Amino acid sequence: MKTLFAAILFCSLSLGAFAQQATTTTTNASSSKIMTTYRCPICGYTNIKTGECPKDKTALVKVGDYYCPECYMTSSKAGKCTMCGVDMKKMAPAPPSGTITK
């Protein structure tokens, strides 16, 4: 009788462990979305949240958006800056770590 009880208990615990593992896998799959990153147009500081650069105190630009290299205004469209008339530059993603840039 004790062995039957132990076998039933073991089976129910192992099923619970497999159920938790499947839930964790689902959570990891949904969190692997491509995250939006923001970069400082001056020093290249990168963050996943919008805000300002802690070093230069300028607004971070969303990667893929355009910014003015003179006054650092941002826009989602290419063209000329509405404030100073300079051509807007596209914010490129940060280079992979370990790469040497010239």
PDB file of N, CA and C in Angstrom:
ATOM      1  N   MET A   1       0.817  -1.186   0.000  1.00  0.00           N
ATOM      2  CA  MET A   1       0.000   0.000   0.000  1.00  0.00           C
ATOM      3  C   MET A   1       0.868   1.260   0.000  1.00  0.00           C
ATOM      4  N   LYS A   2       1.972   1.238   0.769  1.00  0.00           N
ATOM      5  CA  LYS A   2       2.860   2.390   0.819  1.00  0.00           C
ATOM      6  C   LYS A   2       3.522   2.636  -0.534  1.00  0.00           C
ATOM      7  N   THR A   3       3.898   1.552  -1.229  1.00  0.00           N
ATOM      8  CA  THR A   3       4.540   1.719  -2.534  1.00  0.00           C
ATOM      9  C   THR A   3       3.569   2.273  -3.565  1.00  0.00           C
ATOM     10  N   LEU A   4       2.298   1.856  -3.499  1.00  0.00           N
ATOM     11  CA  LEU A   4       1.283   2.397  -4.418  1.00  0.00           C
ATOM     12  C   LEU A   4       1.090   3.883  -4.168  1.00  0.00           C
ATOM     13  N   PHE A   5       1.007   4.272  -2.904  1.00  0.00           N
ATOM     14  CA  PHE A   5       0.857   5.683  -2.551  1.00  0.00           C
ATOM     15  C   PHE A   5       2.079   6.481  -3.021  1.00  0.00           C
ATOM     16  N   ALA A   6       3.274   5.956  -2.832  1.00  0.00           N
ATOM     17  CA  ALA A   6       4.500   6.630  -3.257  1.00  0.00           C
ATOM     18  C   ALA A   6       4.548   6.758  -4.778  1.00  0.00           C
ATOM     19  N   ALA A   7       4.112   5.741  -5.506  1.00  0.00           N
ATOM     20  CA  ALA A   7       4.120   5.797  -6.970  1.00  0.00           C
ATOM     21  C   ALA A   7       3.137   6.850  -7.479  1.00  0.00           C
ATOM     22  N   ILE A   8       1.941   6.918  -6.877  1.00  0.00           N
ATOM     23  CA  ILE A   8       0.943   7.926  -7.287  1.00  0.00           C
ATOM     24  C   ILE A   8       1.462   9.326  -6.976  1.00  0.00           C
ATOM     25  N   LEU A   9       2.061   9.511  -5.812  1.00  0.00           N
ATOM     26  CA  LEU A   9       2.624  10.802  -5.445  1.00  0.00           C
ATOM     27  C   LEU A   9       3.750  11.198  -6.400  1.00  0.00           C
ATOM     28  N   PHE A  10       4.632  10.293  -6.730  1.00  0.00           N
ATOM     29  CA  PHE A  10       5.729  10.562  -7.651  1.00  0.00           C
ATOM     30  C   PHE A  10       5.211  10.971  -9.028  1.00  0.00           C
ATOM     31  N   CYS A  11       4.203  10.242  -9.541  1.00  0.00           N
ATOM     32  CA  CYS A  11       3.634  10.560 -10.860  1.00  0.00           C
ATOM     33  C   CYS A  11       2.985  11.938 -10.875  1.00  0.00           C
ATOM     34  N   SER A  12       2.257  12.280  -9.813  1.00  0.00           N
ATOM     35  CA  SER A  12       1.591  13.588  -9.789  1.00  0.00           C
ATOM     36  C   SER A  12       2.612  14.720  -9.679  1.00  0.00           C
ATOM     37  N   LEU A  13       3.683  14.531  -8.934  1.00  0.00           N
ATOM     38  CA  LEU A  13       4.720  15.554  -8.842  1.00  0.00           C
ATOM     39  C   LEU A  13       5.468  15.718 -10.159  1.00  0.00           C
ATOM     40  N   SER A  14       5.729  14.640 -10.848  1.00  0.00           N
ATOM     41  CA  SER A  14       6.451  14.736 -12.115  1.00  0.00           C
ATOM     42  C   SER A  14       5.582  15.409 -13.180  1.00  0.00           C
ATOM     43  N   LEU A  15       4.282  15.178 -13.170  1.00  0.00           N
ATOM     44  CA  LEU A  15       3.392  15.866 -14.108  1.00  0.00           C
ATOM     45  C   LEU A  15       3.361  17.362 -13.823  1.00  0.00           C
ATOM     46  N   GLY A  16       3.387  17.730 -12.561  1.00  0.00           N
ATOM     47  CA  GLY A  16       3.417  19.139 -12.189  1.00  0.00           C
ATOM     48  C   GLY A  16       4.694  19.818 -12.664  1.00  0.00           C
ATOM     49  N   ALA A  17       5.797  19.109 -12.591  1.00  0.00           N
ATOM     50  CA  ALA A  17       7.072  19.669 -13.041  1.00  0.00           C
ATOM     51  C   ALA A  17       7.064  19.887 -14.548  1.00  0.00           C
ATOM     52  N   PHE A  18       6.496  18.966 -15.306  1.00  0.00           N
ATOM     53  CA  PHE A  18       6.427  19.137 -16.756  1.00  0.00           C
ATOM     54  C   PHE A  18       5.489  20.273 -17.127  1.00  0.00           C
ATOM     55  N   ALA A  19       4.415  20.470 -16.415  1.00  0.00           N
ATOM     56  CA  ALA A  19       3.483  21.558 -16.694  1.00  0.00           C
ATOM     57  C   ALA A  19       4.163  22.901 -16.465  1.00  0.00           C
ATOM     58  N   GLN A  20       4.973  23.022 -15.421  1.00  0.00           N
ATOM     59  CA  GLN A  20       5.680  24.266 -15.164  1.00  0.00           C
ATOM     60  C   GLN A  20       6.724  24.536 -16.236  1.00  0.00           C
ATOM     61  N   GLN A  21       7.374  23.520 -16.725  1.00  0.00           N
ATOM     62  CA  GLN A  21       8.380  23.699 -17.758  1.00  0.00           C
ATOM     63  C   GLN A  21       7.748  24.209 -19.038  1.00  0.00           C
ATOM     64  N   ALA A  22       6.592  23.708 -19.425  1.00  0.00           N
ATOM     65  CA  ALA A  22       5.921  24.161 -20.632  1.00  0.00           C
ATOM     66  C   ALA A  22       5.510  25.616 -20.505  1.00  0.00           C
ATOM     67  N   THR A  23       5.053  26.042 -19.345  1.00  0.00           N
ATOM     68  CA  THR A  23       4.672  27.433 -19.116  1.00  0.00           C
ATOM     69  C   THR A  23       5.882  28.347 -19.249  1.00  0.00           C
ATOM     70  N   THR A  24       7.008  27.929 -18.704  1.00  0.00           N
ATOM     71  CA  THR A  24       8.220  28.733 -18.783  1.00  0.00           C
ATOM     72  C   THR A  24       8.668  28.887 -20.231  1.00  0.00           C
ATOM     73  N   THR A  25       8.577  27.831 -21.020  1.00  0.00           N
ATOM     74  CA  THR A  25       8.963  27.898 -22.424  1.00  0.00           C
ATOM     75  C   THR A  25       8.079  28.887 -23.177  1.00  0.00           C
ATOM     76  N   THR A  26       6.784  28.890 -22.900  1.00  0.00           N
ATOM     77  CA  THR A  26       5.879  29.817 -23.551  1.00  0.00           C
ATOM     78  C   THR A  26       6.223  31.251 -23.186  1.00  0.00           C
ATOM     79  N   THR A  27       6.553  31.498 -21.926  1.00  0.00           N
ATOM     80  CA  THR A  27       6.905  32.840 -21.486  1.00  0.00           C
ATOM     81  C   THR A  27       8.174  33.313 -22.179  1.00  0.00           C
ATOM     82  N   ASN A  28       9.179  32.440 -22.295  1.00  0.00           N
ATOM     83  CA  ASN A  28      10.419  32.823 -22.954  1.00  0.00           C
ATOM     84  C   ASN A  28      10.201  33.108 -24.426  1.00  0.00           C
ATOM     85  N   ALA A  29       9.315  32.382 -25.091  1.00  0.00           N
ATOM     86  CA  ALA A  29       9.065  32.602 -26.509  1.00  0.00           C
ATOM     87  C   ALA A  29       8.414  33.957 -26.738  1.00  0.00           C
ATOM     88  N   SER A  30       7.527  34.377 -25.839  1.00  0.00           N
ATOM     89  CA  SER A  30       6.863  35.664 -26.026  1.00  0.00           C
ATOM     90  C   SER A  30       7.788  36.825 -25.678  1.00  0.00           C
ATOM     91  N   SER A  31       8.783  36.622 -24.821  1.00  0.00           N
ATOM     92  CA  SER A  31       9.673  37.710 -24.453  1.00  0.00           C
ATOM     93  C   SER A  31      10.860  37.843 -25.411  1.00  0.00           C
ATOM     94  N   SER A  32      10.948  37.017 -26.437  1.00  0.00           N
ATOM     95  CA  SER A  32      12.060  37.104 -27.376  1.00  0.00           C
ATOM     96  C   SER A  32      11.730  38.012 -28.560  1.00  0.00           C
ATOM     97  N   LYS A  33      10.856  38.983 -28.354  1.00  0.00           N
ATOM     98  CA  LYS A  33      10.520  39.947 -29.402  1.00  0.00           C
ATOM     99  C   LYS A  33      11.709  40.857 -29.646  1.00  0.00           C
ATOM    100  N   ILE A  34      11.735  41.476 -30.800  1.00  0.00           N
ATOM    101  CA  ILE A  34      12.790  42.435 -31.096  1.00  0.00           C
ATOM    102  C   ILE A  34      12.500  43.694 -30.291  1.00  0.00           C
ATOM    103  N   MET A  35      13.468  44.101 -29.512  1.00  0.00           N
ATOM    104  CA  MET A  35      13.265  45.249 -28.644  1.00  0.00           C
ATOM    105  C   MET A  35      13.705  46.523 -29.337  1.00  0.00           C
ATOM    106  N   THR A  36      12.976  47.599 -29.084  1.00  0.00           N
ATOM    107  CA  THR A  36      13.335  48.902 -29.614  1.00  0.00           C
ATOM    108  C   THR A  36      14.472  49.458 -28.778  1.00  0.00           C
ATOM    109  N   THR A  37      15.486  49.969 -29.441  1.00  0.00           N
ATOM    110  CA  THR A  37      16.606  50.561 -28.724  1.00  0.00           C
ATOM    111  C   THR A  37      16.707  52.041 -29.067  1.00  0.00           C
ATOM    112  N   TYR A  38      17.302  52.777 -28.166  1.00  0.00           N
ATOM    113  CA  TYR A  38      17.503  54.207 -28.332  1.00  0.00           C
ATOM    114  C   TYR A  38      18.986  54.498 -28.166  1.00  0.00           C
ATOM    115  N   ARG A  39      19.521  55.445 -28.971  1.00  0.00           N
ATOM    116  CA  ARG A  39      20.951  55.777 -28.920  1.00  0.00           C
ATOM    117  C   ARG A  39      21.152  57.269 -28.789  1.00  0.00           C
ATOM    118  N   CYS A  40      22.248  57.630 -28.158  1.00  0.00           N
ATOM    119  CA  CYS A  40      22.646  59.028 -28.047  1.00  0.00           C
ATOM    120  C   CYS A  40      23.321  59.428 -29.357  1.00  0.00           C
ATOM    121  N   PRO A  41      22.906  60.542 -29.986  1.00  0.00           N
ATOM    122  CA  PRO A  41      23.539  60.947 -31.249  1.00  0.00           C
ATOM    123  C   PRO A  41      24.961  61.472 -31.078  1.00  0.00           C
ATOM    124  N   ILE A  42      25.368  61.778 -29.863  1.00  0.00           N
ATOM    125  CA  ILE A  42      26.712  62.322 -29.647  1.00  0.00           C
ATOM    126  C   ILE A  42      27.716  61.224 -29.312  1.00  0.00           C
ATOM    127  N   CYS A  43      27.447  60.460 -28.246  1.00  0.00           N
ATOM    128  CA  CYS A  43      28.446  59.491 -27.779  1.00  0.00           C
ATOM    129  C   CYS A  43      28.116  58.041 -28.140  1.00  0.00           C
ATOM    130  N   GLY A  44      26.881  57.750 -28.576  1.00  0.00           N
ATOM    131  CA  GLY A  44      26.522  56.395 -28.963  1.00  0.00           C
ATOM    132  C   GLY A  44      25.998  55.539 -27.822  1.00  0.00           C
ATOM    133  N   TYR A  45      25.733  56.130 -26.652  1.00  0.00           N
ATOM    134  CA  TYR A  45      25.166  55.410 -25.519  1.00  0.00           C
ATOM    135  C   TYR A  45      23.858  54.753 -25.952  1.00  0.00           C
ATOM    136  N   THR A  46      23.632  53.496 -25.587  1.00  0.00           N
ATOM    137  CA  THR A  46      22.447  52.748 -25.994  1.00  0.00           C
ATOM    138  C   THR A  46      21.632  52.351 -24.782  1.00  0.00           C
ATOM    139  N   ASN A  47      20.288  52.439 -24.915  1.00  0.00           N
ATOM    140  CA  ASN A  47      19.380  52.059 -23.847  1.00  0.00           C
ATOM    141  C   ASN A  47      18.117  51.488 -24.474  1.00  0.00           C
ATOM    142  N   ILE A  48      17.354  50.695 -23.704  1.00  0.00           N
ATOM    143  CA  ILE A  48      16.108  50.147 -24.223  1.00  0.00           C
ATOM    144  C   ILE A  48      14.918  51.034 -23.869  1.00  0.00           C
ATOM    145  N   LYS A  49      15.153  52.078 -23.085  1.00  0.00           N
ATOM    146  CA  LYS A  49      14.095  53.009 -22.713  1.00  0.00           C
ATOM    147  C   LYS A  49      14.412  54.392 -23.260  1.00  0.00           C
ATOM    148  N   THR A  50      13.364  55.120 -23.579  1.00  0.00           N
ATOM    149  CA  THR A  50      13.545  56.489 -24.025  1.00  0.00           C
ATOM    150  C   THR A  50      13.947  57.362 -22.843  1.00  0.00           C
ATOM    151  N   GLY A  51      14.565  58.479 -23.107  1.00  0.00           N
ATOM    152  CA  GLY A  51      15.015  59.370 -22.036  1.00  0.00           C
ATOM    153  C   GLY A  51      16.146  60.231 -22.550  1.00  0.00           C
ATOM    154  N   GLU A  52      17.080  60.549 -21.675  1.00  0.00           N
ATOM    155  CA  GLU A  52      18.230  61.333 -22.109  1.00  0.00           C
ATOM    156  C   GLU A  52      19.511  60.633 -21.716  1.00  0.00           C
ATOM    157  N   CYS A  53      20.563  60.965 -22.433  1.00  0.00           N
ATOM    158  CA  CYS A  53      21.878  60.379 -22.194  1.00  0.00           C
ATOM    159  C   CYS A  53      22.406  60.877 -20.851  1.00  0.00           C
ATOM    160  N   PRO A  54      22.878  59.980 -19.988  1.00  0.00           N
ATOM    161  CA  PRO A  54      23.394  60.433 -18.691  1.00  0.00           C
ATOM    162  C   PRO A  54      24.680  61.247 -18.811  1.00  0.00           C
ATOM    163  N   LYS A  55      25.430  61.061 -19.884  1.00  0.00           N
ATOM    164  CA  LYS A  55      26.695  61.767 -20.049  1.00  0.00           C
ATOM    165  C   LYS A  55      26.497  63.122 -20.723  1.00  0.00           C
ATOM    166  N   ASP A  56      25.761  63.146 -21.861  1.00  0.00           N
ATOM    167  CA  ASP A  56      25.641  64.359 -22.668  1.00  0.00           C
ATOM    168  C   ASP A  56      24.374  65.162 -22.410  1.00  0.00           C
ATOM    169  N   LYS A  57      23.408  64.578 -21.690  1.00  0.00           N
ATOM    170  CA  LYS A  57      22.137  65.238 -21.375  1.00  0.00           C
ATOM    171  C   LYS A  57      21.343  65.631 -22.626  1.00  0.00           C
ATOM    172  N   THR A  58      21.472  64.842 -23.707  1.00  0.00           N
ATOM    173  CA  THR A  58      20.655  65.042 -24.905  1.00  0.00           C
ATOM    174  C   THR A  58      19.646  63.913 -24.997  1.00  0.00           C
ATOM    175  N   ALA A  59      18.558  64.165 -25.706  1.00  0.00           N
ATOM    176  CA  ALA A  59      17.506  63.155 -25.837  1.00  0.00           C
ATOM    177  C   ALA A  59      18.008  61.979 -26.659  1.00  0.00           C
ATOM    178  N   LEU A  60      17.663  60.767 -26.231  1.00  0.00           N
ATOM    179  CA  LEU A  60      18.028  59.569 -26.978  1.00  0.00           C
ATOM    180  C   LEU A  60      17.128  59.459 -28.204  1.00  0.00           C
ATOM    181  N   VAL A  61      17.678  58.976 -29.316  1.00  0.00           N
ATOM    182  CA  VAL A  61      16.957  58.854 -30.577  1.00  0.00           C
ATOM    183  C   VAL A  61      16.657  57.382 -30.826  1.00  0.00           C
ATOM    184  N   LYS A  62      15.431  57.088 -31.215  1.00  0.00           N
ATOM    185  CA  LYS A  62      15.031  55.719 -31.522  1.00  0.00           C
ATOM    186  C   LYS A  62      15.802  55.247 -32.752  1.00  0.00           C
ATOM    187  N   VAL A  63      16.357  54.037 -32.681  1.00  0.00           N
ATOM    188  CA  VAL A  63      17.102  53.484 -33.811  1.00  0.00           C
ATOM    189  C   VAL A  63      16.142  53.333 -34.991  1.00  0.00           C
ATOM    190  N   GLY A  64      16.523  53.870 -36.142  1.00  0.00           N
ATOM    191  CA  GLY A  64      15.684  53.846 -37.333  1.00  0.00           C
ATOM    192  C   GLY A  64      15.042  55.191 -37.619  1.00  0.00           C
ATOM    193  N   ASP A  65      14.956  56.064 -36.604  1.00  0.00           N
ATOM    194  CA  ASP A  65      14.427  57.410 -36.803  1.00  0.00           C
ATOM    195  C   ASP A  65      15.546  58.325 -37.298  1.00  0.00           C
ATOM    196  N   TYR A  66      15.193  59.544 -37.622  1.00  0.00           N
ATOM    197  CA  TYR A  66      16.147  60.517 -38.136  1.00  0.00           C
ATOM    198  C   TYR A  66      16.386  61.602 -37.091  1.00  0.00           C
ATOM    199  N   TYR A  67      17.599  62.158 -37.099  1.00  0.00           N
ATOM    200  CA  TYR A  67      17.936  63.232 -36.172  1.00  0.00           C
ATOM    201  C   TYR A  67      18.790  64.265 -36.887  1.00  0.00           C
ATOM    202  N   CYS A  68      18.751  65.482 -36.382  1.00  0.00           N
ATOM    203  CA  CYS A  68      19.558  66.565 -36.934  1.00  0.00           C
ATOM    204  C   CYS A  68      20.907  66.564 -36.222  1.00  0.00           C
ATOM    205  N   PRO A  69      22.023  66.535 -36.958  1.00  0.00           N
ATOM    206  CA  PRO A  69      23.335  66.517 -36.310  1.00  0.00           C
ATOM    207  C   PRO A  69      23.723  67.869 -35.686  1.00  0.00           C
ATOM    208  N   GLU A  70      22.972  68.931 -35.998  1.00  0.00           N
ATOM    209  CA  GLU A  70      23.281  70.247 -35.443  1.00  0.00           C
ATOM    210  C   GLU A  70      22.526  70.522 -34.137  1.00  0.00           C
ATOM    211  N   CYS A  71      21.197  70.357 -34.183  1.00  0.00           N
ATOM    212  CA  CYS A  71      20.393  70.714 -33.003  1.00  0.00           C
ATOM    213  C   CYS A  71      19.746  69.502 -32.338  1.00  0.00           C
ATOM    214  N   TYR A  72      19.950  68.299 -32.872  1.00  0.00           N
ATOM    215  CA  TYR A  72      19.494  67.022 -32.319  1.00  0.00           C
ATOM    216  C   TYR A  72      17.975  66.886 -32.230  1.00  0.00           C
ATOM    217  N   MET A  73      17.250  67.577 -33.117  1.00  0.00           N
ATOM    218  CA  MET A  73      15.808  67.353 -33.223  1.00  0.00           C
ATOM    219  C   MET A  73      15.597  65.998 -33.875  1.00  0.00           C
ATOM    220  N   THR A  74      14.500  65.322 -33.560  1.00  0.00           N
ATOM    221  CA  THR A  74      14.235  64.004 -34.119  1.00  0.00           C
ATOM    222  C   THR A  74      12.984  64.025 -34.976  1.00  0.00           C
ATOM    223  N   SER A  75      12.922  63.067 -35.919  1.00  0.00           N
ATOM    224  CA  SER A  75      11.774  62.933 -36.799  1.00  0.00           C
ATOM    225  C   SER A  75      11.716  61.488 -37.280  1.00  0.00           C
ATOM    226  N   SER A  76      10.526  61.040 -37.632  1.00  0.00           N
ATOM    227  CA  SER A  76      10.397  59.688 -38.170  1.00  0.00           C
ATOM    228  C   SER A  76      10.562  59.685 -39.685  1.00  0.00           C
ATOM    229  N   LYS A  77      10.660  60.876 -40.292  1.00  0.00           N
ATOM    230  CA  LYS A  77      10.805  60.993 -41.748  1.00  0.00           C
ATOM    231  C   LYS A  77      12.129  61.663 -42.100  1.00  0.00           C
ATOM    232  N   ALA A  78      12.672  61.279 -43.249  1.00  0.00           N
ATOM    233  CA  ALA A  78      13.896  61.903 -43.745  1.00  0.00           C
ATOM    234  C   ALA A  78      13.564  63.276 -44.312  1.00  0.00           C
ATOM    235  N   GLY A  79      14.571  64.097 -44.467  1.00  0.00           N
ATOM    236  CA  GLY A  79      14.370  65.427 -45.031  1.00  0.00           C
ATOM    237  C   GLY A  79      15.281  66.421 -44.352  1.00  0.00           C
ATOM    238  N   LYS A  80      14.822  67.657 -44.281  1.00  0.00           N
ATOM    239  CA  LYS A  80      15.582  68.716 -43.634  1.00  0.00           C
ATOM    240  C   LYS A  80      14.993  69.018 -42.262  1.00  0.00           C
ATOM    241  N   CYS A  81      15.853  69.448 -41.362  1.00  0.00           N
ATOM    242  CA  CYS A  81      15.427  69.810 -40.017  1.00  0.00           C
ATOM    243  C   CYS A  81      14.520  71.030 -40.089  1.00  0.00           C
ATOM    244  N   THR A  82      13.400  70.986 -39.380  1.00  0.00           N
ATOM    245  CA  THR A  82      12.461  72.109 -39.399  1.00  0.00           C
ATOM    246  C   THR A  82      12.976  73.289 -38.593  1.00  0.00           C
ATOM    247  N   MET A  83      13.953  73.066 -37.734  1.00  0.00           N
ATOM    248  CA  MET A  83      14.461  74.153 -36.906  1.00  0.00           C
ATOM    249  C   MET A  83      15.649  74.873 -37.545  1.00  0.00           C
ATOM    250  N   CYS A  84      16.602  74.119 -38.108  1.00  0.00           N
ATOM    251  CA  CYS A  84      17.817  74.772 -38.624  1.00  0.00           C
ATOM    252  C   CYS A  84      18.082  74.498 -40.106  1.00  0.00           C
ATOM    253  N   GLY A  85      17.325  73.607 -40.750  1.00  0.00           N
ATOM    254  CA  GLY A  85      17.455  73.371 -42.187  1.00  0.00           C
ATOM    255  C   GLY A  85      18.551  72.403 -42.606  1.00  0.00           C
ATOM    256  N   VAL A  86      19.217  71.739 -41.669  1.00  0.00           N
ATOM    257  CA  VAL A  86      20.277  70.779 -41.986  1.00  0.00           C
ATOM    258  C   VAL A  86      19.641  69.437 -42.347  1.00  0.00           C
ATOM    259  N   ASP A  87      20.293  68.673 -43.246  1.00  0.00           N
ATOM    260  CA  ASP A  87      19.785  67.351 -43.617  1.00  0.00           C
ATOM    261  C   ASP A  87      19.782  66.423 -42.398  1.00  0.00           C
ATOM    262  N   MET A  88      18.687  65.675 -42.263  1.00  0.00           N
ATOM    263  CA  MET A  88      18.551  64.733 -41.157  1.00  0.00           C
ATOM    264  C   MET A  88      19.380  63.484 -41.453  1.00  0.00           C
ATOM    265  N   LYS A  89      19.934  62.862 -40.408  1.00  0.00           N
ATOM    266  CA  LYS A  89      20.694  61.618 -40.535  1.00  0.00           C
ATOM    267  C   LYS A  89      19.899  60.507 -39.881  1.00  0.00           C
ATOM    268  N   LYS A  90      20.006  59.296 -40.419  1.00  0.00           N
ATOM    269  CA  LYS A  90      19.311  58.152 -39.853  1.00  0.00           C
ATOM    270  C   LYS A  90      20.131  57.572 -38.706  1.00  0.00           C
ATOM    271  N   MET A  91      19.462  57.286 -37.589  1.00  0.00           N
ATOM    272  CA  MET A  91      20.146  56.687 -36.436  1.00  0.00           C
ATOM    273  C   MET A  91      20.352  55.205 -36.717  1.00  0.00           C
ATOM    274  N   ALA A  92      21.603  54.816 -36.816  1.00  0.00           N
ATOM    275  CA  ALA A  92      21.971  53.427 -37.097  1.00  0.00           C
ATOM    276  C   ALA A  92      22.044  52.646 -35.799  1.00  0.00           C
ATOM    277  N   PRO A  93      21.815  51.308 -35.859  1.00  0.00           N
ATOM    278  CA  PRO A  93      21.966  50.516 -34.642  1.00  0.00           C
ATOM    279  C   PRO A  93      23.422  50.471 -34.200  1.00  0.00           C
ATOM    280  N   ALA A  94      23.627  50.162 -32.935  1.00  0.00           N
ATOM    281  CA  ALA A  94      24.981  50.076 -32.394  1.00  0.00           C
ATOM    282  C   ALA A  94      25.718  48.920 -33.043  1.00  0.00           C
ATOM    283  N   PRO A  95      27.002  49.074 -33.327  1.00  0.00           N
ATOM    284  CA  PRO A  95      27.757  47.962 -33.881  1.00  0.00           C
ATOM    285  C   PRO A  95      27.865  46.844 -32.865  1.00  0.00           C
ATOM    286  N   PRO A  96      27.967  45.591 -33.323  1.00  0.00           N
ATOM    287  CA  PRO A  96      28.111  44.479 -32.376  1.00  0.00           C
ATOM    288  C   PRO A  96      29.346  44.657 -31.506  1.00  0.00           C
ATOM    289  N   SER A  97      29.271  44.220 -30.262  1.00  0.00           N
ATOM    290  CA  SER A  97      30.416  44.391 -29.372  1.00  0.00           C
ATOM    291  C   SER A  97      31.598  43.574 -29.874  1.00  0.00           C
ATOM    292  N   GLY A  98      32.747  44.146 -29.727  1.00  0.00           N
ATOM    293  CA  GLY A  98      33.963  43.482 -30.186  1.00  0.00           C
ATOM    294  C   GLY A  98      34.378  43.930 -31.569  1.00  0.00           C
ATOM    295  N   THR A  99      33.566  44.773 -32.242  1.00  0.00           N
ATOM    296  CA  THR A  99      33.929  45.262 -33.570  1.00  0.00           C
ATOM    297  C   THR A  99      34.700  46.563 -33.439  1.00  0.00           C
ATOM    298  N   ILE A 100      35.656  46.719 -34.278  1.00  0.00           N
ATOM    299  CA  ILE A 100      36.453  47.937 -34.282  1.00  0.00           C
ATOM    300  C   ILE A 100      35.898  48.857 -35.354  1.00  0.00           C
ATOM    301  N   THR A 101      35.535  50.078 -34.955  1.00  0.00           N
ATOM    302  CA  THR A 101      35.027  51.070 -35.921  1.00  0.00           C
ATOM    303  C   THR A 101      36.101  52.125 -36.160  1.00  0.00           C
ATOM    304  N   LYS A 102      36.170  52.602 -37.373  1.00  0.00           N
ATOM    305  CA  LYS A 102      37.173  53.620 -37.718  1.00  0.00           C
ATOM    306  C   LYS A 102      36.506  54.953 -37.894  1.00  0.00           C
TER     307      LYS A 102
END
